[in-house]
Amino acid sequence: MITTIEELSLNAWPSFQTIVYDGWILRFAHGYTKRANSVNPLYVSTLDIDSKISFCEKLYESQNLPVVFKMTSAVHPRDLDERLATKGYRKDSPTSVQVLDLEYTTLQRSPDAQLEEELSDDWLDNFCRMSHVSESNGETLQKILTDILPHHCFVSLQADDQIIACGLGVLQSDHIGLFDIVTDEAFRGRGYGGQIVETILAWGKQNKARHTYLQVMLNNPSALHLYSKIGFEEKYQYWYRILTR
């Protein structure tokens, strides 16, 4: 299950360049998000681990990027987290990966939500505003979002003539992934996030999705509460190891 969801999330959030190196997937996207700029040790490793780590360090440093590993309990080799810790990699951004079976879940698509299957300037501009994404990173984000290959949708809600909540859903096989769920700070606590989530999931179910997954940081209690109310349950956690020198 862990490898399946990790593969789905890699496809849902594309990088610009990818190198497959003895079972490890190295991703590069101009430094925007650790998810798209990290080593993903998903598959069986056969080479000397210290040499592999050194190779990754030199490659990311040559691109002026921090050296970041995305970790789960299913990485290869199994003791990689301990090895990285002894080499000076700090643990960062512990995240809960949660799942929900959609077959027996009742969902209510919000009549006020706007759903589009192509990225609009309005959605992008307001997401960047609400998420405090810089102008330079906004250009990178736009390319990531326009490069998504699986079937996907962009959902938004408006108030006072502007978007006040939005989110992204990416459908692959029978799984719908939730990404970039955000509500304007002035409108939080009013149920808009839940409307975004249910609208995306209803769209996914309409398009034959049977399962859904999401990733939420453990330091976000309001989002954890929202997803718990909908019925999501944690399947596993991931975290990053970032080299500090």
C-alpha atoms as a PDB file:
ATOM      1  CA  MET A   1       0.000   0.000   0.000  1.00  0.00           C
ATOM      2  CA  ILE A   2       2.777   2.484   0.877  1.00  0.00           C
ATOM      3  CA  THR A   3       4.573   2.005  -2.432  1.00  0.00           C
ATOM      4  CA  THR A   4       1.300   2.281  -4.359  1.00  0.00           C
ATOM      5  CA  ILE A   5       0.333   5.603  -2.785  1.00  0.00           C
ATOM      6  CA  GLU A   6       3.876   6.948  -3.107  1.00  0.00           C
ATOM      7  CA  GLU A   7       3.828   6.121  -6.827  1.00  0.00           C
ATOM      8  CA  LEU A   8       0.431   7.784  -7.232  1.00  0.00           C
ATOM      9  CA  SER A   9       1.598  10.930  -5.473  1.00  0.00           C
ATOM     10  CA  LEU A  10       4.754  11.106  -7.601  1.00  0.00           C
ATOM     11  CA  ASN A  11       2.621  11.021 -10.736  1.00  0.00           C
ATOM     12  CA  ALA A  12       0.172  13.546  -9.312  1.00  0.00           C
ATOM     13  CA  TRP A  13       2.880  16.102  -8.512  1.00  0.00           C
ATOM     14  CA  PRO A  14       5.376  16.013 -11.399  1.00  0.00           C
ATOM     15  CA  SER A  15       8.950  17.209 -11.274  1.00  0.00           C
ATOM     16  CA  PHE A  16      10.804  18.713 -14.227  1.00  0.00           C
ATOM     17  CA  GLN A  17      13.626  16.181 -14.322  1.00  0.00           C
ATOM     18  CA  THR A  18      13.815  12.680 -12.866  1.00  0.00           C
ATOM     19  CA  ILE A  19      16.755  10.309 -12.501  1.00  0.00           C
ATOM     20  CA  VAL A  20      16.192   6.650 -11.609  1.00  0.00           C
ATOM     21  CA  TYR A  21      19.267   5.408  -9.768  1.00  0.00           C
ATOM     22  CA  ASP A  22      19.375   1.793  -8.546  1.00  0.00           C
ATOM     23  CA  GLY A  23      15.836   1.841  -7.165  1.00  0.00           C
ATOM     24  CA  TRP A  24      15.946   5.461  -5.965  1.00  0.00           C
ATOM     25  CA  ILE A  25      14.000   8.200  -7.746  1.00  0.00           C
ATOM     26  CA  LEU A  26      15.720  11.596  -7.756  1.00  0.00           C
ATOM     27  CA  ARG A  27      13.447  14.544  -8.612  1.00  0.00           C
ATOM     28  CA  PHE A  28      14.206  18.140  -9.550  1.00  0.00           C
ATOM     29  CA  ALA A  29      11.832  21.115  -9.969  1.00  0.00           C
ATOM     30  CA  HIS A  30      13.795  24.318  -9.375  1.00  0.00           C
ATOM     31  CA  GLY A  31      13.537  23.847  -5.617  1.00  0.00           C
ATOM     32  CA  TYR A  32       9.768  24.387  -5.275  1.00  0.00           C
ATOM     33  CA  THR A  33       8.409  21.926  -2.679  1.00  0.00           C
ATOM     34  CA  LYS A  34      10.436  19.161  -1.091  1.00  0.00           C
ATOM     35  CA  ARG A  35       8.065  16.687  -2.711  1.00  0.00           C
ATOM     36  CA  ALA A  36       9.330  17.572  -6.196  1.00  0.00           C
ATOM     37  CA  ASN A  37      12.976  18.069  -5.196  1.00  0.00           C
ATOM     38  CA  SER A  38      13.977  15.009  -3.227  1.00  0.00           C
ATOM     39  CA  VAL A  39      15.343  11.485  -3.313  1.00  0.00           C
ATOM     40  CA  ASN A  40      12.612   8.840  -3.075  1.00  0.00           C
ATOM     41  CA  PRO A  41      14.146   5.473  -2.045  1.00  0.00           C
ATOM     42  CA  LEU A  42      11.155   3.400  -3.102  1.00  0.00           C
ATOM     43  CA  TYR A  43      12.633   0.226  -4.531  1.00  0.00           C
ATOM     44  CA  VAL A  44      15.239  -2.400  -3.712  1.00  0.00           C
ATOM     45  CA  SER A  45      18.783  -1.026  -3.553  1.00  0.00           C
ATOM     46  CA  THR A  46      21.813  -3.065  -4.643  1.00  0.00           C
ATOM     47  CA  LEU A  47      24.739  -0.603  -4.649  1.00  0.00           C
ATOM     48  CA  ASP A  48      26.850   0.510  -1.699  1.00  0.00           C
ATOM     49  CA  ILE A  49      24.630   2.863   0.306  1.00  0.00           C
ATOM     50  CA  ASP A  50      27.297   5.333   1.365  1.00  0.00           C
ATOM     51  CA  SER A  51      28.364   5.718  -2.265  1.00  0.00           C
ATOM     52  CA  LYS A  52      24.744   6.222  -3.333  1.00  0.00           C
ATOM     53  CA  ILE A  53      24.171   8.895  -0.713  1.00  0.00           C
ATOM     54  CA  SER A  54      27.358  10.663  -1.795  1.00  0.00           C
ATOM     55  CA  PHE A  55      26.218  10.555  -5.440  1.00  0.00           C
ATOM     56  CA  CYS A  56      22.886  12.141  -4.504  1.00  0.00           C
ATOM     57  CA  GLU A  57      24.560  14.819  -2.421  1.00  0.00           C
ATOM     58  CA  LYS A  58      26.897  15.839  -5.236  1.00  0.00           C
ATOM     59  CA  LEU A  59      24.075  15.902  -7.792  1.00  0.00           C
ATOM     60  CA  TYR A  60      21.725  18.089  -5.739  1.00  0.00           C
ATOM     61  CA  GLU A  61      24.540  20.383  -4.670  1.00  0.00           C
ATOM     62  CA  SER A  62      25.542  20.806  -8.333  1.00  0.00           C
ATOM     63  CA  GLN A  63      22.009  22.144  -8.914  1.00  0.00           C
ATOM     64  CA  ASN A  64      22.266  24.480  -5.896  1.00  0.00           C
ATOM     65  CA  LEU A  65      19.505  22.523  -4.185  1.00  0.00           C
ATOM     66  CA  PRO A  66      19.358  21.196  -0.616  1.00  0.00           C
ATOM     67  CA  VAL A  67      19.874  17.452  -0.298  1.00  0.00           C
ATOM     68  CA  VAL A  68      16.518  16.009   0.754  1.00  0.00           C
ATOM     69  CA  PHE A  69      15.352  12.414   1.180  1.00  0.00           C
ATOM     70  CA  LYS A  70      11.631  11.570   1.415  1.00  0.00           C
ATOM     71  CA  MET A  71      11.267   8.792   3.972  1.00  0.00           C
ATOM     72  CA  THR A  72       8.666   6.185   4.901  1.00  0.00           C
ATOM     73  CA  SER A  73       8.827   2.955   6.845  1.00  0.00           C
ATOM     74  CA  ALA A  74       9.076   1.126   3.503  1.00  0.00           C
ATOM     75  CA  VAL A  75      12.265   2.711   2.140  1.00  0.00           C
ATOM     76  CA  HIS A  76      15.170   0.643   0.871  1.00  0.00           C
ATOM     77  CA  PRO A  77      17.387  -0.178   2.642  1.00  0.00           C
ATOM     78  CA  ARG A  78      15.365  -0.409   5.836  1.00  0.00           C
ATOM     79  CA  ASP A  79      18.021   1.274   7.955  1.00  0.00           C
ATOM     80  CA  LEU A  80      18.392   4.269   5.632  1.00  0.00           C
ATOM     81  CA  ASP A  81      16.760   6.690   8.073  1.00  0.00           C
ATOM     82  CA  GLU A  82      19.282   5.816  10.786  1.00  0.00           C
ATOM     83  CA  ARG A  83      22.153   6.076   8.310  1.00  0.00           C
ATOM     84  CA  LEU A  84      21.062   9.535   7.205  1.00  0.00           C
ATOM     85  CA  ALA A  85      20.648  10.708  10.788  1.00  0.00           C
ATOM     86  CA  THR A  86      24.236   9.745  11.595  1.00  0.00           C
ATOM     87  CA  LYS A  87      25.404  11.687   8.513  1.00  0.00           C
ATOM     88  CA  GLY A  88      23.839  14.920   9.740  1.00  0.00           C
ATOM     89  CA  TYR A  89      20.422  14.800   8.108  1.00  0.00           C
ATOM     90  CA  ARG A  90      17.740  16.380  10.308  1.00  0.00           C
ATOM     91  CA  LYS A  91      14.160  15.159  10.374  1.00  0.00           C
ATOM     92  CA  ASP A  92      11.637  17.620   8.904  1.00  0.00           C
ATOM     93  CA  SER A  93       7.911  17.981   8.097  1.00  0.00           C
ATOM     94  CA  PRO A  94       6.387  14.776   9.558  1.00  0.00           C
ATOM     95  CA  THR A  95       3.243  14.109   7.548  1.00  0.00           C
ATOM     96  CA  SER A  96       0.235  11.820   7.878  1.00  0.00           C
ATOM     97  CA  VAL A  97      -0.894   9.950   4.755  1.00  0.00           C
ATOM     98  CA  GLN A  98      -4.583   9.198   5.111  1.00  0.00           C
ATOM     99  CA  VAL A  99      -7.020   7.112   3.098  1.00  0.00           C
ATOM    100  CA  LEU A 100     -10.762   6.656   2.703  1.00  0.00           C
ATOM    101  CA  ASP A 101     -12.851   4.057   0.908  1.00  0.00           C
ATOM    102  CA  LEU A 102     -15.301   5.924  -1.329  1.00  0.00           C
ATOM    103  CA  GLU A 103     -17.600   3.018  -2.177  1.00  0.00           C
ATOM    104  CA  TYR A 104     -19.711   3.422   0.952  1.00  0.00           C
ATOM    105  CA  THR A 105     -19.073   7.126   1.561  1.00  0.00           C
ATOM    106  CA  THR A 106     -21.851   9.659   1.043  1.00  0.00           C
ATOM    107  CA  LEU A 107     -20.558  12.847  -0.546  1.00  0.00           C
ATOM    108  CA  GLN A 108     -22.241  16.170  -1.190  1.00  0.00           C
ATOM    109  CA  ARG A 109     -20.894  18.219  -4.081  1.00  0.00           C
ATOM    110  CA  SER A 110     -21.235  21.890  -3.182  1.00  0.00           C
ATOM    111  CA  PRO A 111     -23.606  23.749  -5.543  1.00  0.00           C
ATOM    112  CA  ASP A 112     -21.472  26.853  -5.011  1.00  0.00           C
ATOM    113  CA  ALA A 113     -18.201  25.239  -6.049  1.00  0.00           C
ATOM    114  CA  GLN A 114     -16.653  25.855  -9.440  1.00  0.00           C
ATOM    115  CA  LEU A 115     -14.915  22.841 -10.958  1.00  0.00           C
ATOM    116  CA  GLU A 116     -12.584  23.035 -13.944  1.00  0.00           C
ATOM    117  CA  GLU A 117     -10.364  20.417 -15.540  1.00  0.00           C
ATOM    118  CA  GLU A 118      -7.853  22.977 -16.813  1.00  0.00           C
ATOM    119  CA  LEU A 119      -5.764  25.351 -14.716  1.00  0.00           C
ATOM    120  CA  SER A 120      -7.030  28.946 -14.803  1.00  0.00           C
ATOM    121  CA  ASP A 121      -5.079  32.096 -13.988  1.00  0.00           C
ATOM    122  CA  ASP A 122      -7.725  32.951 -11.391  1.00  0.00           C
ATOM    123  CA  TRP A 123      -7.302  29.654  -9.537  1.00  0.00           C
ATOM    124  CA  LEU A 124      -3.510  29.884  -9.659  1.00  0.00           C
ATOM    125  CA  ASP A 125      -3.318  33.530  -8.607  1.00  0.00           C
ATOM    126  CA  ASN A 126      -5.626  33.012  -5.655  1.00  0.00           C
ATOM    127  CA  PHE A 127      -3.945  29.802  -4.539  1.00  0.00           C
ATOM    128  CA  CYS A 128      -0.600  31.634  -4.541  1.00  0.00           C
ATOM    129  CA  ARG A 129      -2.151  34.500  -2.586  1.00  0.00           C
ATOM    130  CA  MET A 130      -3.731  32.272   0.049  1.00  0.00           C
ATOM    131  CA  SER A 131      -0.672  30.007   0.347  1.00  0.00           C
ATOM    132  CA  HIS A 132       1.841  32.860   0.291  1.00  0.00           C
ATOM    133  CA  VAL A 133       3.668  31.518  -2.771  1.00  0.00           C
ATOM    134  CA  SER A 134       6.224  33.980  -4.126  1.00  0.00           C
ATOM    135  CA  GLU A 135       6.057  35.274  -7.692  1.00  0.00           C
ATOM    136  CA  SER A 136       9.140  33.302  -8.745  1.00  0.00           C
ATOM    137  CA  ASN A 137       7.792  30.086  -7.200  1.00  0.00           C
ATOM    138  CA  GLY A 138       4.417  30.819  -8.766  1.00  0.00           C
ATOM    139  CA  GLU A 139       5.936  30.313 -12.206  1.00  0.00           C
ATOM    140  CA  THR A 140       7.355  26.960 -11.115  1.00  0.00           C
ATOM    141  CA  LEU A 141       4.032  25.938  -9.581  1.00  0.00           C
ATOM    142  CA  GLN A 142       2.214  26.827 -12.798  1.00  0.00           C
ATOM    143  CA  LYS A 143       4.479  24.499 -14.776  1.00  0.00           C
ATOM    144  CA  ILE A 144       4.033  21.680 -12.254  1.00  0.00           C
ATOM    145  CA  LEU A 145       0.243  21.995 -12.402  1.00  0.00           C
ATOM    146  CA  THR A 146       0.083  22.212 -16.192  1.00  0.00           C
ATOM    147  CA  ASP A 147       2.370  19.163 -16.484  1.00  0.00           C
ATOM    148  CA  ILE A 148       0.032  16.853 -14.529  1.00  0.00           C
ATOM    149  CA  LEU A 149      -0.798  13.972 -16.866  1.00  0.00           C
ATOM    150  CA  PRO A 150      -3.474  11.976 -14.982  1.00  0.00           C
ATOM    151  CA  HIS A 151      -7.081  13.218 -15.103  1.00  0.00           C
ATOM    152  CA  HIS A 152      -7.453  16.081 -12.630  1.00  0.00           C
ATOM    153  CA  CYS A 153      -9.684  18.930 -11.516  1.00  0.00           C
ATOM    154  CA  PHE A 154      -9.331  22.361  -9.906  1.00  0.00           C
ATOM    155  CA  VAL A 155     -12.107  23.360  -7.488  1.00  0.00           C
ATOM    156  CA  SER A 156     -12.789  26.782  -5.966  1.00  0.00           C
ATOM    157  CA  LEU A 157     -15.356  28.647  -3.878  1.00  0.00           C
ATOM    158  CA  GLN A 158     -16.026  32.382  -4.058  1.00  0.00           C
ATOM    159  CA  ALA A 159     -17.204  35.061  -1.643  1.00  0.00           C
ATOM    160  CA  ASP A 160     -17.055  38.832  -1.938  1.00  0.00           C
ATOM    161  CA  ASP A 161     -16.254  38.414  -5.652  1.00  0.00           C
ATOM    162  CA  GLN A 162     -13.012  36.533  -5.061  1.00  0.00           C
ATOM    163  CA  ILE A 163     -11.883  32.952  -4.529  1.00  0.00           C
ATOM    164  CA  ILE A 164     -11.732  32.155  -0.818  1.00  0.00           C
ATOM    165  CA  ALA A 165     -10.983  28.406  -0.936  1.00  0.00           C
ATOM    166  CA  CYS A 166      -9.571  26.017  -3.507  1.00  0.00           C
ATOM    167  CA  GLY A 167      -8.121  22.574  -4.032  1.00  0.00           C
ATOM    168  CA  LEU A 168      -6.780  20.085  -6.569  1.00  0.00           C
ATOM    169  CA  GLY A 169      -7.847  16.505  -7.228  1.00  0.00           C
ATOM    170  CA  VAL A 170      -5.764  14.055  -9.279  1.00  0.00           C
ATOM    171  CA  LEU A 171      -7.360  10.818 -10.497  1.00  0.00           C
ATOM    172  CA  GLN A 172      -5.317   7.780 -11.441  1.00  0.00           C
ATOM    173  CA  SER A 173      -6.727   4.291 -11.816  1.00  0.00           C
ATOM    174  CA  ASP A 174      -9.353   4.045  -9.044  1.00  0.00           C
ATOM    175  CA  HIS A 175      -7.632   6.515  -6.663  1.00  0.00           C
ATOM    176  CA  ILE A 176      -8.345  10.227  -6.299  1.00  0.00           C
ATOM    177  CA  GLY A 177      -5.637  12.224  -4.525  1.00  0.00           C
ATOM    178  CA  LEU A 178      -6.289  15.517  -2.720  1.00  0.00           C
ATOM    179  CA  PHE A 179      -3.714  18.290  -3.018  1.00  0.00           C
ATOM    180  CA  ASP A 180      -3.373  22.010  -2.293  1.00  0.00           C
ATOM    181  CA  ILE A 181      -6.502  22.369  -0.153  1.00  0.00           C
ATOM    182  CA  VAL A 182      -6.418  25.924   1.198  1.00  0.00           C
ATOM    183  CA  THR A 183      -8.890  28.476   2.603  1.00  0.00           C
ATOM    184  CA  ASP A 184      -8.326  32.206   2.927  1.00  0.00           C
ATOM    185  CA  GLU A 185      -7.333  33.004   6.521  1.00  0.00           C
ATOM    186  CA  ALA A 186     -10.290  35.399   6.891  1.00  0.00           C
ATOM    187  CA  PHE A 187     -12.787  32.654   5.999  1.00  0.00           C
ATOM    188  CA  ARG A 188     -11.465  29.667   7.929  1.00  0.00           C
ATOM    189  CA  GLY A 189     -13.631  27.701  10.322  1.00  0.00           C
ATOM    190  CA  ARG A 190     -16.778  28.076   8.215  1.00  0.00           C
ATOM    191  CA  GLY A 191     -16.760  24.728   6.410  1.00  0.00           C
ATOM    192  CA  TYR A 192     -15.354  25.896   3.077  1.00  0.00           C
ATOM    193  CA  GLY A 193     -12.479  23.411   3.193  1.00  0.00           C
ATOM    194  CA  GLY A 194     -14.927  20.561   3.681  1.00  0.00           C
ATOM    195  CA  GLN A 195     -16.958  21.734   0.681  1.00  0.00           C
ATOM    196  CA  ILE A 196     -13.829  21.749  -1.472  1.00  0.00           C
ATOM    197  CA  VAL A 197     -12.846  18.255  -0.343  1.00  0.00           C
ATOM    198  CA  GLU A 198     -16.306  16.727  -0.814  1.00  0.00           C
ATOM    199  CA  THR A 199     -16.690  18.323  -4.240  1.00  0.00           C
ATOM    200  CA  ILE A 200     -13.371  16.876  -5.406  1.00  0.00           C
ATOM    201  CA  LEU A 201     -14.226  13.449  -3.995  1.00  0.00           C
ATOM    202  CA  ALA A 202     -17.690  13.505  -5.578  1.00  0.00           C
ATOM    203  CA  TRP A 203     -16.074  14.302  -8.939  1.00  0.00           C
ATOM    204  CA  GLY A 204     -13.624  11.464  -8.396  1.00  0.00           C
ATOM    205  CA  LYS A 205     -16.371   9.014  -7.511  1.00  0.00           C
ATOM    206  CA  GLN A 206     -18.325  10.120 -10.589  1.00  0.00           C
ATOM    207  CA  ASN A 207     -15.203   9.235 -12.590  1.00  0.00           C
ATOM    208  CA  LYS A 208     -14.944   5.709 -11.139  1.00  0.00           C
ATOM    209  CA  ALA A 209     -12.661   6.408  -8.171  1.00  0.00           C
ATOM    210  CA  ARG A 210     -13.113   3.899  -5.353  1.00  0.00           C
ATOM    211  CA  HIS A 211     -10.386   5.101  -3.007  1.00  0.00           C
ATOM    212  CA  THR A 212      -8.900   8.427  -1.984  1.00  0.00           C
ATOM    213  CA  TYR A 213      -5.708   9.548  -0.267  1.00  0.00           C
ATOM    214  CA  LEU A 214      -4.220  12.770   1.042  1.00  0.00           C
ATOM    215  CA  GLN A 215      -1.135  14.053   2.833  1.00  0.00           C
ATOM    216  CA  VAL A 216      -1.471  16.391   5.825  1.00  0.00           C
ATOM    217  CA  MET A 217       1.294  17.691   8.052  1.00  0.00           C
ATOM    218  CA  LEU A 218       1.059  16.692  11.691  1.00  0.00           C
ATOM    219  CA  ASN A 219       1.413  20.318  12.822  1.00  0.00           C
ATOM    220  CA  ASN A 220      -1.898  21.258  11.137  1.00  0.00           C
ATOM    221  CA  PRO A 221      -4.578  20.381  13.732  1.00  0.00           C
ATOM    222  CA  SER A 222      -7.448  22.103  11.912  1.00  0.00           C
ATOM    223  CA  ALA A 223      -6.827  20.096   8.727  1.00  0.00           C
ATOM    224  CA  LEU A 224      -6.409  16.881  10.720  1.00  0.00           C
ATOM    225  CA  HIS A 225      -9.769  17.562  12.380  1.00  0.00           C
ATOM    226  CA  LEU A 226     -11.446  18.288   9.043  1.00  0.00           C
ATOM    227  CA  TYR A 227     -10.256  15.068   7.437  1.00  0.00           C
ATOM    228  CA  SER A 228     -11.164  13.029  10.511  1.00  0.00           C
ATOM    229  CA  LYS A 229     -14.726  14.374  10.355  1.00  0.00           C
ATOM    230  CA  ILE A 230     -15.006  13.279   6.713  1.00  0.00           C
ATOM    231  CA  GLY A 231     -13.798   9.787   7.653  1.00  0.00           C
ATOM    232  CA  PHE A 232     -10.137   9.680   6.647  1.00  0.00           C
ATOM    233  CA  GLU A 233      -7.824   7.423   8.636  1.00  0.00           C
ATOM    234  CA  GLU A 234      -4.044   7.404   8.748  1.00  0.00           C
ATOM    235  CA  LYS A 235      -2.357   4.665   6.731  1.00  0.00           C
ATOM    236  CA  TYR A 236       1.254   5.644   7.314  1.00  0.00           C
ATOM    237  CA  GLN A 237       3.525   8.645   7.818  1.00  0.00           C
ATOM    238  CA  TYR A 238       6.336  10.156   5.835  1.00  0.00           C
ATOM    239  CA  TRP A 239       8.970  12.704   6.720  1.00  0.00           C
ATOM    240  CA  TYR A 240      12.004  14.300   5.133  1.00  0.00           C
ATOM    241  CA  ARG A 241      15.667  14.048   5.986  1.00  0.00           C
ATOM    242  CA  ILE A 242      17.523  17.246   5.058  1.00  0.00           C
ATOM    243  CA  LEU A 243      21.297  17.515   5.068  1.00  0.00           C
ATOM    244  CA  THR A 244      22.610  20.180   7.448  1.00  0.00           C
ATOM    245  CA  ARG A 245      26.180  21.350   7.018  1.00  0.00           C
END
